[in-house]
Amino acid sequence: MKKYIFIGWLLAVVLGLLLAQLFFTGESTSEVAGNLTFALLIFCFPASLLAYPLASGAVMLFEHQGLFPYNSRLVLTLWWGLFAICGLIQWAVIFGYIRWRAGQSETRP
């Protein structure tokens, strides 16, 4: 069951990136980056509370070149990648905890 939940999460996150790249226009009025961010905040919660400041800091490295998630596919993908990495770490912690708890319940008398 855990494997199917993880695969579903991974497919949803990758689908979010693919749709964002498909609807990407590069215009400042485009809402693609905002919609992707909203979806990632939901799919990666609670890790998204850490991912959002990290992604904002990483995007600041590109601001002096005029690149933002709404006008650069590369920065949009970087934005997505940081959320996805934090989400993957979150899943590793969750599965590790479940495995640990299962081992604890087997050793109880």
C-alpha atoms as a PDB file:
ATOM      1  CA  MET A   1       0.000   0.000   0.000  1.00  0.00           C
ATOM      2  CA  LYS A   2       2.817   2.417   0.889  1.00  0.00           C
ATOM      3  CA  LYS A   3       4.419   1.855  -2.486  1.00  0.00           C
ATOM      4  CA  TYR A   4       1.232   2.791  -4.347  1.00  0.00           C
ATOM      5  CA  ILE A   5       0.778   5.965  -2.329  1.00  0.00           C
ATOM      6  CA  PHE A   6       4.361   6.984  -3.066  1.00  0.00           C
ATOM      7  CA  ILE A   7       4.009   6.190  -6.783  1.00  0.00           C
ATOM      8  CA  GLY A   8       0.785   8.213  -6.894  1.00  0.00           C
ATOM      9  CA  TRP A   9       2.515  11.149  -5.204  1.00  0.00           C
ATOM     10  CA  LEU A  10       5.473  10.933  -7.581  1.00  0.00           C
ATOM     11  CA  LEU A  11       3.208  10.804 -10.638  1.00  0.00           C
ATOM     12  CA  ALA A  12       1.197  13.795  -9.397  1.00  0.00           C
ATOM     13  CA  VAL A  13       4.323  15.883  -8.801  1.00  0.00           C
ATOM     14  CA  VAL A  14       5.881  14.982 -12.172  1.00  0.00           C
ATOM     15  CA  LEU A  15       2.556  15.618 -13.915  1.00  0.00           C
ATOM     16  CA  GLY A  16       2.499  19.054 -12.276  1.00  0.00           C
ATOM     17  CA  LEU A  17       5.891  19.873 -13.800  1.00  0.00           C
ATOM     18  CA  LEU A  18       4.915  18.529 -17.218  1.00  0.00           C
ATOM     19  CA  LEU A  19       1.699  20.553 -17.246  1.00  0.00           C
ATOM     20  CA  ALA A  20       3.557  23.662 -16.094  1.00  0.00           C
ATOM     21  CA  GLN A  21       6.059  23.243 -18.925  1.00  0.00           C
ATOM     22  CA  LEU A  22       3.233  22.598 -21.402  1.00  0.00           C
ATOM     23  CA  PHE A  23       1.321  25.751 -20.439  1.00  0.00           C
ATOM     24  CA  PHE A  24       4.460  27.863 -19.975  1.00  0.00           C
ATOM     25  CA  THR A  25       4.263  31.153 -21.929  1.00  0.00           C
ATOM     26  CA  GLY A  26       7.149  33.146 -20.482  1.00  0.00           C
ATOM     27  CA  GLU A  27       4.950  36.194 -19.858  1.00  0.00           C
ATOM     28  CA  SER A  28       4.927  38.019 -16.543  1.00  0.00           C
ATOM     29  CA  THR A  29       1.129  37.775 -16.427  1.00  0.00           C
ATOM     30  CA  SER A  30       1.261  33.977 -16.638  1.00  0.00           C
ATOM     31  CA  GLU A  31      -0.039  32.134 -13.594  1.00  0.00           C
ATOM     32  CA  VAL A  32       1.793  28.884 -14.373  1.00  0.00           C
ATOM     33  CA  ALA A  33       4.467  29.353 -11.687  1.00  0.00           C
ATOM     34  CA  GLY A  34       1.858  30.324  -9.103  1.00  0.00           C
ATOM     35  CA  ASN A  35      -0.338  27.339  -9.916  1.00  0.00           C
ATOM     36  CA  LEU A  36       2.634  24.976  -9.787  1.00  0.00           C
ATOM     37  CA  THR A  37       3.673  26.453  -6.454  1.00  0.00           C
ATOM     38  CA  PHE A  38       0.178  26.013  -5.035  1.00  0.00           C
ATOM     39  CA  ALA A  39       0.056  22.381  -6.179  1.00  0.00           C
ATOM     40  CA  LEU A  40       3.509  21.680  -4.733  1.00  0.00           C
ATOM     41  CA  LEU A  41       2.618  23.326  -1.425  1.00  0.00           C
ATOM     42  CA  ILE A  42      -0.247  20.859  -1.153  1.00  0.00           C
ATOM     43  CA  PHE A  43       1.503  17.730  -2.463  1.00  0.00           C
ATOM     44  CA  CYS A  44       4.691  18.266  -0.442  1.00  0.00           C
ATOM     45  CA  PHE A  45       3.113  19.395   2.827  1.00  0.00           C
ATOM     46  CA  PRO A  46       4.617  19.628   5.491  1.00  0.00           C
ATOM     47  CA  ALA A  47       8.016  19.497   3.732  1.00  0.00           C
ATOM     48  CA  SER A  48       6.847  22.415   1.581  1.00  0.00           C
ATOM     49  CA  LEU A  49       7.197  24.652   4.640  1.00  0.00           C
ATOM     50  CA  LEU A  50      10.950  24.105   4.288  1.00  0.00           C
ATOM     51  CA  ALA A  51      10.975  23.875   0.488  1.00  0.00           C
ATOM     52  CA  TYR A  52       9.378  27.270  -0.127  1.00  0.00           C
ATOM     53  CA  PRO A  53      12.120  29.342   1.572  1.00  0.00           C
ATOM     54  CA  LEU A  54      14.816  27.140   0.006  1.00  0.00           C
ATOM     55  CA  ALA A  55      13.335  27.539  -3.461  1.00  0.00           C
ATOM     56  CA  SER A  56      12.918  31.285  -2.966  1.00  0.00           C
ATOM     57  CA  GLY A  57      16.577  31.563  -1.981  1.00  0.00           C
ATOM     58  CA  ALA A  58      17.701  29.496  -4.954  1.00  0.00           C
ATOM     59  CA  VAL A  59      15.649  31.598  -7.368  1.00  0.00           C
ATOM     60  CA  MET A  60      17.260  34.761  -5.977  1.00  0.00           C
ATOM     61  CA  LEU A  61      20.520  33.597  -7.544  1.00  0.00           C
ATOM     62  CA  PHE A  62      18.962  34.130 -10.978  1.00  0.00           C
ATOM     63  CA  GLU A  63      17.154  37.429 -10.312  1.00  0.00           C
ATOM     64  CA  HIS A  64      20.081  39.622 -11.344  1.00  0.00           C
ATOM     65  CA  GLN A  65      19.821  38.041 -14.811  1.00  0.00           C
ATOM     66  CA  GLY A  66      16.117  38.805 -14.953  1.00  0.00           C
ATOM     67  CA  LEU A  67      15.132  35.134 -14.672  1.00  0.00           C
ATOM     68  CA  PHE A  68      12.143  34.183 -12.557  1.00  0.00           C
ATOM     69  CA  PRO A  69       9.936  31.053 -12.413  1.00  0.00           C
ATOM     70  CA  TYR A  70       7.319  32.784 -14.573  1.00  0.00           C
ATOM     71  CA  ASN A  71       9.709  33.653 -17.437  1.00  0.00           C
ATOM     72  CA  SER A  72      12.338  30.893 -17.416  1.00  0.00           C
ATOM     73  CA  ARG A  73      11.753  27.190 -17.897  1.00  0.00           C
ATOM     74  CA  LEU A  74      15.061  26.447 -16.176  1.00  0.00           C
ATOM     75  CA  VAL A  75      14.185  28.420 -13.042  1.00  0.00           C
ATOM     76  CA  LEU A  76      10.679  26.920 -13.029  1.00  0.00           C
ATOM     77  CA  THR A  77      12.235  23.442 -13.118  1.00  0.00           C
ATOM     78  CA  LEU A  78      14.692  24.384 -10.359  1.00  0.00           C
ATOM     79  CA  TRP A  79      11.751  25.639  -8.295  1.00  0.00           C
ATOM     80  CA  TRP A  80       9.934  22.335  -8.843  1.00  0.00           C
ATOM     81  CA  GLY A  81      13.081  20.293  -8.139  1.00  0.00           C
ATOM     82  CA  LEU A  82      13.637  21.767  -4.696  1.00  0.00           C
ATOM     83  CA  PHE A  83      10.042  21.001  -3.722  1.00  0.00           C
ATOM     84  CA  ALA A  84      10.348  17.481  -5.137  1.00  0.00           C
ATOM     85  CA  ILE A  85      13.612  16.808  -3.263  1.00  0.00           C
ATOM     86  CA  CYS A  86      12.105  17.973   0.041  1.00  0.00           C
ATOM     87  CA  GLY A  87       9.063  15.809  -0.656  1.00  0.00           C
ATOM     88  CA  LEU A  88      11.241  12.771  -1.385  1.00  0.00           C
ATOM     89  CA  ILE A  89      13.144  13.308   1.862  1.00  0.00           C
ATOM     90  CA  GLN A  90       9.816  13.536   3.648  1.00  0.00           C
ATOM     91  CA  TRP A  91       8.708  10.204   2.172  1.00  0.00           C
ATOM     92  CA  ALA A  92      12.018   8.590   3.194  1.00  0.00           C
ATOM     93  CA  VAL A  93      11.509   9.798   6.769  1.00  0.00           C
ATOM     94  CA  ILE A  94       7.891   8.585   6.822  1.00  0.00           C
ATOM     95  CA  PHE A  95       8.776   5.134   5.457  1.00  0.00           C
ATOM     96  CA  GLY A  96      11.749   4.873   7.809  1.00  0.00           C
ATOM     97  CA  TYR A  97       9.510   5.693  10.760  1.00  0.00           C
ATOM     98  CA  ILE A  98       6.905   3.135   9.668  1.00  0.00           C
ATOM     99  CA  ARG A  99       9.603   0.491   9.287  1.00  0.00           C
ATOM    100  CA  TRP A 100      11.046   1.406  12.693  1.00  0.00           C
ATOM    101  CA  ARG A 101       7.626   1.226  14.361  1.00  0.00           C
ATOM    102  CA  ALA A 102       6.933  -2.146  12.759  1.00  0.00           C
ATOM    103  CA  GLY A 103      10.225  -3.437  14.129  1.00  0.00           C
ATOM    104  CA  GLN A 104       9.410  -2.077  17.594  1.00  0.00           C
ATOM    105  CA  SER A 105       6.020  -3.807  17.686  1.00  0.00           C
ATOM    106  CA  GLU A 106       7.585  -7.164  16.736  1.00  0.00           C
ATOM    107  CA  THR A 107      10.108  -7.023  19.594  1.00  0.00           C
ATOM    108  CA  ARG A 108       7.536  -6.278  22.315  1.00  0.00           C
ATOM    109  CA  PRO A 109       6.772  -9.201  24.639  1.00  0.00           C
END
